Amino acid sequence: MQEKVNLKSKECIADLRVVFKDVASKYPLFMEFLEHFCGYNTAVLSANPNEISYAGGKRDVILTIKTIMRDDLLPEQIAQHYERMLK
C-alpha cells in the first residue's frame, strides 16, 4: 500500500481502486453521501463564479473516485492521464 497519494503512479491507482471498491461494496451509504455532497448529479444554479468554481471542485472529487473505480480503464491508463494533466 502506498504511503502517499500519487495519481501519476499506476500502483497507487491500483491500490486506490481496491480501497474505493471495498468501501463502495461495504458502505454504499458513504458513496451515496459523496455523490450527493459533491453534486454528482446536481446542476449549479448560480451565476456567481466562486460558487461555480467551488461546485466544480467538489464534482471533480467524486468524478476522480468514479474514474479510478472503472473496470474498463487500466491503472496505467489513469496514471498516464494524470501524468499529462499534472505537469
N, C-alpha and C. Protein backbone atom coordinates (compact mmCIF):
# COMPACT_ATOMS: atom_id res chain seq x y z
N MET A 1 0.84 -1.18 0.00
CA MET A 1 0.00 0.00 0.00
C MET A 1 0.88 1.24 0.00
N GLN A 2 0.48 2.23 -0.77
CA GLN A 2 1.20 3.49 -0.89
C GLN A 2 1.15 4.27 0.42
N GLU A 3 2.21 5.02 0.70
CA GLU A 3 2.23 5.88 1.89
C GLU A 3 1.62 7.23 1.59
N LYS A 4 1.75 7.71 0.35
CA LYS A 4 1.20 8.99 -0.07
C LYS A 4 0.44 8.79 -1.37
N VAL A 5 -0.54 9.64 -1.58
CA VAL A 5 -1.31 9.57 -2.82
C VAL A 5 -0.47 10.17 -3.95
N ASN A 6 -0.31 9.40 -5.01
CA ASN A 6 0.40 9.85 -6.20
C ASN A 6 -0.40 9.36 -7.40
N LEU A 7 -1.23 10.23 -7.96
CA LEU A 7 -2.09 9.83 -9.06
C LEU A 7 -1.32 9.56 -10.35
N LYS A 8 -0.02 9.83 -10.36
CA LYS A 8 0.81 9.50 -11.52
C LYS A 8 1.37 8.08 -11.43
N SER A 9 1.10 7.39 -10.33
CA SER A 9 1.62 6.05 -10.10
C SER A 9 0.55 5.00 -10.35
N LYS A 10 0.83 4.06 -11.25
CA LYS A 10 -0.15 3.01 -11.52
C LYS A 10 -0.37 2.14 -10.29
N GLU A 11 0.65 1.98 -9.47
CA GLU A 11 0.50 1.19 -8.24
C GLU A 11 -0.46 1.87 -7.26
N CYS A 12 -0.32 3.19 -7.16
CA CYS A 12 -1.20 3.96 -6.28
C CYS A 12 -2.64 3.90 -6.79
N ILE A 13 -2.82 4.05 -8.09
CA ILE A 13 -4.17 3.97 -8.68
C ILE A 13 -4.77 2.60 -8.41
N ALA A 14 -3.97 1.54 -8.58
CA ALA A 14 -4.46 0.18 -8.33
C ALA A 14 -4.86 0.01 -6.85
N ASP A 15 -4.04 0.55 -5.94
CA ASP A 15 -4.37 0.48 -4.51
C ASP A 15 -5.65 1.24 -4.21
N LEU A 16 -5.77 2.45 -4.76
CA LEU A 16 -6.97 3.25 -4.55
C LEU A 16 -8.21 2.54 -5.09
N ARG A 17 -8.07 1.90 -6.24
CA ARG A 17 -9.21 1.18 -6.84
C ARG A 17 -9.72 0.11 -5.88
N VAL A 18 -8.80 -0.65 -5.30
CA VAL A 18 -9.20 -1.70 -4.34
C VAL A 18 -9.92 -1.08 -3.14
N VAL A 19 -9.36 -0.01 -2.61
CA VAL A 19 -9.96 0.64 -1.43
C VAL A 19 -11.34 1.21 -1.76
N PHE A 20 -11.44 1.95 -2.88
CA PHE A 20 -12.72 2.57 -3.24
C PHE A 20 -13.80 1.51 -3.48
N LYS A 21 -13.43 0.44 -4.18
CA LYS A 21 -14.42 -0.61 -4.43
C LYS A 21 -14.81 -1.32 -3.15
N ASP A 22 -13.88 -1.50 -2.26
CA ASP A 22 -14.17 -2.13 -0.97
C ASP A 22 -15.14 -1.26 -0.17
N VAL A 23 -14.86 0.03 -0.12
CA VAL A 23 -15.74 0.96 0.60
C VAL A 23 -17.12 0.99 -0.05
N ALA A 24 -17.17 1.07 -1.38
CA ALA A 24 -18.46 1.12 -2.08
C ALA A 24 -19.28 -0.14 -1.83
N SER A 25 -18.60 -1.27 -1.75
CA SER A 25 -19.28 -2.54 -1.51
C SER A 25 -19.79 -2.65 -0.07
N LYS A 26 -18.95 -2.28 0.87
CA LYS A 26 -19.30 -2.44 2.28
C LYS A 26 -20.15 -1.29 2.83
N TYR A 27 -19.97 -0.10 2.27
CA TYR A 27 -20.63 1.08 2.80
C TYR A 27 -21.27 1.90 1.67
N PRO A 28 -22.30 1.37 1.02
CA PRO A 28 -22.91 2.10 -0.10
C PRO A 28 -23.48 3.46 0.31
N LEU A 29 -23.89 3.59 1.57
CA LEU A 29 -24.41 4.87 2.03
C LEU A 29 -23.33 5.96 1.99
N PHE A 30 -22.09 5.58 2.26
CA PHE A 30 -20.99 6.54 2.21
C PHE A 30 -20.80 7.05 0.78
N MET A 31 -20.83 6.15 -0.19
CA MET A 31 -20.67 6.56 -1.58
C MET A 31 -21.86 7.43 -2.02
N GLU A 32 -23.05 7.07 -1.58
CA GLU A 32 -24.22 7.88 -1.90
C GLU A 32 -24.08 9.28 -1.31
N PHE A 33 -23.56 9.36 -0.07
CA PHE A 33 -23.30 10.65 0.56
C PHE A 33 -22.32 11.48 -0.28
N LEU A 34 -21.22 10.86 -0.70
CA LEU A 34 -20.23 11.60 -1.51
C LEU A 34 -20.85 12.10 -2.81
N GLU A 35 -21.64 11.25 -3.47
CA GLU A 35 -22.30 11.67 -4.71
C GLU A 35 -23.21 12.87 -4.45
N HIS A 36 -23.96 12.79 -3.37
CA HIS A 36 -24.88 13.88 -3.04
C HIS A 36 -24.11 15.15 -2.64
N PHE A 37 -23.17 15.02 -1.70
CA PHE A 37 -22.42 16.18 -1.21
C PHE A 37 -21.59 16.84 -2.30
N CYS A 38 -21.00 16.03 -3.17
CA CYS A 38 -20.12 16.55 -4.21
C CYS A 38 -20.90 17.05 -5.43
N GLY A 39 -22.21 16.89 -5.42
CA GLY A 39 -23.03 17.39 -6.52
C GLY A 39 -22.86 16.61 -7.80
N TYR A 40 -22.74 15.30 -7.68
CA TYR A 40 -22.51 14.45 -8.85
C TYR A 40 -23.58 14.65 -9.92
N ASN A 41 -24.83 14.73 -9.54
CA ASN A 41 -25.93 14.88 -10.49
C ASN A 41 -26.72 16.16 -10.23
N THR A 42 -26.05 17.18 -9.72
CA THR A 42 -26.74 18.41 -9.37
C THR A 42 -26.21 19.57 -10.20
N ALA A 43 -27.14 20.29 -10.81
CA ALA A 43 -26.75 21.47 -11.58
C ALA A 43 -26.41 22.62 -10.63
N VAL A 44 -25.50 23.48 -11.06
CA VAL A 44 -25.17 24.67 -10.29
C VAL A 44 -26.08 25.78 -10.79
N LEU A 45 -26.97 26.20 -9.95
CA LEU A 45 -27.94 27.21 -10.35
C LEU A 45 -27.51 28.58 -9.83
N SER A 46 -26.36 29.00 -10.28
CA SER A 46 -25.80 30.28 -9.85
C SER A 46 -24.95 30.86 -10.97
N ALA A 47 -24.92 32.16 -11.02
CA ALA A 47 -24.03 32.84 -11.96
C ALA A 47 -22.76 33.32 -11.26
N ASN A 48 -22.69 33.09 -9.96
CA ASN A 48 -21.53 33.51 -9.17
C ASN A 48 -20.33 32.62 -9.52
N PRO A 49 -19.25 33.20 -10.06
CA PRO A 49 -18.10 32.38 -10.46
C PRO A 49 -17.47 31.61 -9.29
N ASN A 50 -17.53 32.17 -8.08
CA ASN A 50 -16.98 31.47 -6.92
C ASN A 50 -17.79 30.21 -6.61
N GLU A 51 -19.10 30.31 -6.68
CA GLU A 51 -19.95 29.15 -6.43
C GLU A 51 -19.77 28.10 -7.52
N ILE A 52 -19.64 28.54 -8.76
CA ILE A 52 -19.44 27.61 -9.87
C ILE A 52 -18.11 26.88 -9.71
N SER A 53 -17.06 27.62 -9.35
CA SER A 53 -15.74 27.01 -9.16
C SER A 53 -15.75 26.02 -7.99
N TYR A 54 -16.38 26.42 -6.88
CA TYR A 54 -16.46 25.54 -5.71
C TYR A 54 -17.22 24.26 -6.05
N ALA A 55 -18.35 24.39 -6.74
CA ALA A 55 -19.14 23.21 -7.13
C ALA A 55 -18.34 22.32 -8.08
N GLY A 56 -17.60 22.94 -8.99
CA GLY A 56 -16.77 22.16 -9.92
C GLY A 56 -15.68 21.38 -9.20
N GLY A 57 -15.09 21.99 -8.19
CA GLY A 57 -14.07 21.30 -7.41
C GLY A 57 -14.63 20.11 -6.66
N LYS A 58 -15.80 20.30 -6.07
CA LYS A 58 -16.44 19.18 -5.36
C LYS A 58 -16.79 18.06 -6.35
N ARG A 59 -17.31 18.44 -7.51
CA ARG A 59 -17.67 17.43 -8.51
C ARG A 59 -16.43 16.67 -8.99
N ASP A 60 -15.29 17.36 -9.10
CA ASP A 60 -14.05 16.70 -9.51
C ASP A 60 -13.66 15.58 -8.55
N VAL A 61 -13.97 15.75 -7.26
CA VAL A 61 -13.63 14.72 -6.27
C VAL A 61 -14.37 13.42 -6.59
N ILE A 62 -15.68 13.48 -6.74
CA ILE A 62 -16.44 12.25 -6.98
C ILE A 62 -16.14 11.69 -8.37
N LEU A 63 -15.91 12.55 -9.35
CA LEU A 63 -15.58 12.05 -10.69
C LEU A 63 -14.23 11.35 -10.71
N THR A 64 -13.27 11.84 -9.94
CA THR A 64 -11.97 11.18 -9.84
C THR A 64 -12.13 9.80 -9.21
N ILE A 65 -12.89 9.73 -8.13
CA ILE A 65 -13.14 8.45 -7.47
C ILE A 65 -13.81 7.48 -8.44
N LYS A 66 -14.84 7.94 -9.13
CA LYS A 66 -15.55 7.06 -10.06
C LYS A 66 -14.67 6.64 -11.23
N THR A 67 -13.80 7.52 -11.68
CA THR A 67 -12.87 7.16 -12.76
C THR A 67 -11.92 6.07 -12.30
N ILE A 68 -11.36 6.22 -11.11
CA ILE A 68 -10.43 5.23 -10.58
C ILE A 68 -11.12 3.88 -10.41
N MET A 69 -12.40 3.88 -10.09
CA MET A 69 -13.14 2.63 -9.87
C MET A 69 -13.55 1.92 -11.18
N ARG A 70 -13.43 2.58 -12.30
CA ARG A 70 -13.88 2.00 -13.57
C ARG A 70 -13.08 0.75 -13.94
N ASP A 71 -13.81 -0.28 -14.38
CA ASP A 71 -13.17 -1.53 -14.78
C ASP A 71 -12.65 -1.49 -16.22
N ASP A 72 -13.15 -0.55 -17.01
CA ASP A 72 -12.74 -0.51 -18.41
C ASP A 72 -11.46 0.31 -18.64
N LEU A 73 -10.92 0.89 -17.58
CA LEU A 73 -9.66 1.61 -17.66
C LEU A 73 -8.62 0.92 -16.78
N LEU A 74 -7.45 0.74 -17.32
CA LEU A 74 -6.36 0.16 -16.54
C LEU A 74 -5.73 1.23 -15.65
N PRO A 75 -5.19 0.83 -14.51
CA PRO A 75 -4.50 1.80 -13.66
C PRO A 75 -3.40 2.56 -14.43
N GLU A 76 -2.75 1.88 -15.37
CA GLU A 76 -1.71 2.53 -16.17
C GLU A 76 -2.28 3.67 -17.00
N GLN A 77 -3.47 3.46 -17.56
CA GLN A 77 -4.10 4.50 -18.38
C GLN A 77 -4.48 5.72 -17.54
N ILE A 78 -5.01 5.47 -16.36
CA ILE A 78 -5.39 6.56 -15.48
C ILE A 78 -4.15 7.33 -15.02
N ALA A 79 -3.11 6.61 -14.65
CA ALA A 79 -1.86 7.25 -14.23
C ALA A 79 -1.27 8.09 -15.36
N GLN A 80 -1.33 7.59 -16.59
CA GLN A 80 -0.82 8.34 -17.74
C GLN A 80 -1.62 9.63 -17.94
N HIS A 81 -2.91 9.54 -17.74
CA HIS A 81 -3.76 10.74 -17.85
C HIS A 81 -3.30 11.79 -16.84
N TYR A 82 -3.13 11.38 -15.58
CA TYR A 82 -2.72 12.34 -14.56
C TYR A 82 -1.28 12.82 -14.79
N GLU A 83 -0.46 11.98 -15.35
CA GLU A 83 0.91 12.40 -15.68
C GLU A 83 0.86 13.59 -16.65
N ARG A 84 0.00 13.47 -17.67
CA ARG A 84 -0.13 14.56 -18.65
C ARG A 84 -0.81 15.78 -18.03
N MET A 85 -1.83 15.54 -17.24
CA MET A 85 -2.63 16.63 -16.69
C MET A 85 -1.90 17.42 -15.60
N LEU A 86 -1.10 16.75 -14.79
CA LEU A 86 -0.46 17.39 -13.65
C LEU A 86 0.96 17.88 -13.91
N LYS A 87 1.32 18.03 -15.16
CA LYS A 87 2.67 18.53 -15.49
C LYS A 87 2.82 19.97 -15.12
